[in-house]
Amino acid sequence: MSSRRIAKVAEAVREIVSTVVLFELKDPRVKNVTVLRADVSPDLRNAKVYVSIMGDEKTQSLTLHGLNSARGFIQSKIADRLQTRYTPVLQFVSDPGVKLSVQASAIIRETLSEGAVEDAESDATAVVGSETGENEHTEEDEA
């Protein structure tokens, strides 16, 4: 099978799952879910759906449990819309990429703010030093 067909099926699975989760799923446990991507096996029998779930660990595990409970319903919607011999068996996986990027940006933001504070402190020291005459260069210092 061509990898182009697999990529098209993976994109269709991602699109269908995100539409079903957003509009058709009535499970109260499943909320704040973003479907990031889907990986389909070469025989089109299995699919891993990577999701990002906003919230703490308890909310994430509860939402994953709700998604796994609704797996049959979602697979039936995929079967209705995809014209393939086999409907992929879904496996939902929490993707930590979004959480890691948020943590990385927080670290960068914190580092930049610390750098700005250090720059401000060094500027303040330079201003105070010039007022007291500590940083003035004389010809004796250069020789």
Protein backbone atom coordinates (compact mmCIF):
# COMPACT_ATOMS: atom_id res chain seq x y z
CA MET A 1 0.00 0.00 0.00
CA SER A 2 1.28 3.45 -0.76
CA SER A 3 2.31 5.73 2.05
CA ARG A 4 0.26 8.45 0.40
CA ARG A 5 -2.92 6.44 0.93
CA ILE A 6 -1.98 5.74 4.54
CA ALA A 7 -1.38 9.46 5.11
CA LYS A 8 -4.76 10.30 3.57
CA VAL A 9 -6.53 7.73 5.76
CA ALA A 10 -4.68 9.01 8.84
CA GLU A 11 -5.75 12.57 8.09
CA ALA A 12 -9.35 11.44 7.51
CA VAL A 13 -9.34 9.53 10.82
CA ARG A 14 -7.99 12.59 12.63
CA GLU A 15 -10.63 14.82 11.07
CA ILE A 16 -13.52 12.45 11.81
CA VAL A 17 -12.43 11.81 15.39
CA SER A 18 -12.05 15.53 16.11
CA THR A 19 -15.48 16.27 14.61
CA VAL A 20 -17.14 13.47 16.57
CA VAL A 21 -15.47 14.48 19.84
CA LEU A 22 -16.38 18.12 19.34
CA PHE A 23 -19.97 17.84 18.11
CA GLU A 24 -21.43 14.36 18.59
CA LEU A 25 -19.96 12.94 21.80
CA LYS A 26 -22.21 13.49 24.81
CA ASP A 27 -19.91 12.05 27.49
CA PRO A 28 -19.38 14.71 30.20
CA ARG A 29 -15.91 13.34 30.95
CA VAL A 30 -14.68 14.24 27.48
CA LYS A 31 -14.01 17.97 27.39
CA ASN A 32 -11.08 20.25 26.54
CA VAL A 33 -9.73 17.69 24.06
CA THR A 34 -7.71 18.56 20.98
CA VAL A 35 -7.02 15.81 18.45
CA LEU A 36 -3.47 16.42 17.26
CA ARG A 37 -2.73 13.61 14.83
CA ALA A 38 -3.47 10.01 13.95
CA ASP A 39 -1.04 7.28 12.97
CA VAL A 40 -2.53 4.41 10.98
CA SER A 41 -0.83 1.04 10.58
CA PRO A 42 0.09 -0.02 7.02
CA ASP A 43 -2.73 -2.60 6.94
CA LEU A 44 -5.25 0.09 8.06
CA ARG A 45 -6.46 -2.09 10.94
CA ASN A 46 -5.11 -0.03 13.84
CA ALA A 47 -4.86 3.68 14.50
CA LYS A 48 -3.23 5.65 17.30
CA VAL A 49 -4.97 8.94 17.91
CA TYR A 50 -2.83 11.50 19.74
CA VAL A 51 -4.84 13.94 21.85
CA SER A 52 -3.98 16.92 24.00
CA ILE A 53 -6.07 17.33 27.13
CA MET A 54 -6.12 20.54 29.13
CA GLY A 55 -6.24 20.15 32.89
CA ASP A 56 -4.49 18.35 35.71
CA GLU A 57 -3.50 14.67 35.76
CA LYS A 58 -6.81 13.52 37.23
CA THR A 59 -8.79 15.34 34.53
CA GLN A 60 -6.54 13.92 31.82
CA SER A 61 -6.90 10.33 33.00
CA LEU A 62 -10.66 10.76 33.37
CA THR A 63 -10.91 12.19 29.85
CA LEU A 64 -8.79 9.37 28.40
CA HIS A 65 -11.05 6.86 30.14
CA GLY A 66 -14.09 8.60 28.62
CA LEU A 67 -12.51 8.50 25.16
CA ASN A 68 -11.74 4.80 25.51
CA SER A 69 -15.34 4.20 26.62
CA ALA A 70 -16.63 6.02 23.54
CA ARG A 71 -14.19 4.23 21.22
CA GLY A 72 -16.85 1.97 19.68
CA PHE A 73 -19.13 4.91 18.93
CA ILE A 74 -16.26 6.84 17.32
CA GLN A 75 -15.21 3.77 15.30
CA SER A 76 -18.77 3.40 14.01
CA LYS A 77 -18.69 7.03 12.83
CA ILE A 78 -15.38 6.33 11.08
CA ALA A 79 -16.90 3.25 9.42
CA ASP A 80 -19.83 5.34 8.18
CA ARG A 81 -17.58 7.93 6.56
CA LEU A 82 -14.58 5.92 5.35
CA GLN A 83 -14.96 3.45 2.52
CA THR A 84 -12.37 0.88 3.55
CA ARG A 85 -12.53 -2.86 4.04
CA TYR A 86 -11.55 -2.62 7.69
CA THR A 87 -12.35 0.04 10.22
CA PRO A 88 -9.23 0.95 12.21
CA VAL A 89 -9.30 -0.01 15.88
CA LEU A 90 -8.61 3.20 17.77
CA GLN A 91 -6.11 3.64 20.56
CA PHE A 92 -6.09 7.04 22.28
CA VAL A 93 -2.73 8.34 23.47
CA SER A 94 -2.15 11.51 25.47
CA ASP A 95 0.47 13.60 23.69
CA PRO A 96 2.71 15.47 26.13
CA GLY A 97 4.04 17.80 23.41
CA VAL A 98 1.72 20.70 24.15
CA LYS A 99 2.35 20.49 27.90
CA LEU A 100 6.12 20.39 27.31
CA SER A 101 5.98 23.40 25.00
CA VAL A 102 4.02 25.37 27.60
CA GLN A 103 6.59 24.44 30.25
CA ALA A 104 9.46 25.39 27.92
CA SER A 105 7.92 28.78 27.14
CA ALA A 106 7.41 29.39 30.87
CA ILE A 107 11.08 28.61 31.52
CA ILE A 108 12.13 30.92 28.68
CA ARG A 109 9.85 33.67 29.96
CA GLU A 110 11.25 33.26 33.48
CA THR A 111 14.84 33.34 32.21
CA LEU A 112 14.18 36.44 30.14
CA SER A 113 12.59 38.21 33.09
CA GLU A 114 15.57 37.28 35.29
CA GLY A 115 17.90 38.56 32.58
CA ALA A 116 15.96 41.81 32.41
CA VAL A 117 16.21 42.17 36.19
CA GLU A 118 19.98 41.52 36.10
CA ASP A 119 20.38 44.04 33.26
CA ALA A 120 18.39 46.59 35.25
CA GLU A 121 20.54 45.93 38.31
CA SER A 122 23.78 46.33 36.34
CA ASP A 123 22.44 49.53 34.75
CA ALA A 124 21.51 50.83 38.20
CA THR A 125 24.99 49.97 39.49
CA ALA A 126 26.58 51.77 36.55
CA VAL A 127 24.45 54.85 37.18
CA VAL A 128 25.24 54.82 40.89
CA GLY A 129 28.94 54.27 40.15
CA SER A 130 29.06 57.21 37.73
CA GLU A 131 27.36 59.43 40.27
CA THR A 132 29.98 58.59 42.90
CA GLY A 133 32.84 58.87 40.43
CA GLU A 134 33.90 55.21 40.62
CA ASN A 135 33.69 54.51 36.89
CA GLU A 136 35.48 57.66 35.68
CA HIS A 137 38.60 56.87 33.68
CA THR A 138 41.68 58.93 34.12
CA GLU A 139 44.84 59.04 32.12
CA GLU A 140 46.66 57.31 34.97
CA ASP A 141 44.32 54.27 34.68
CA GLU A 142 45.03 53.88 30.97
CA ALA A 143 48.82 54.00 31.33
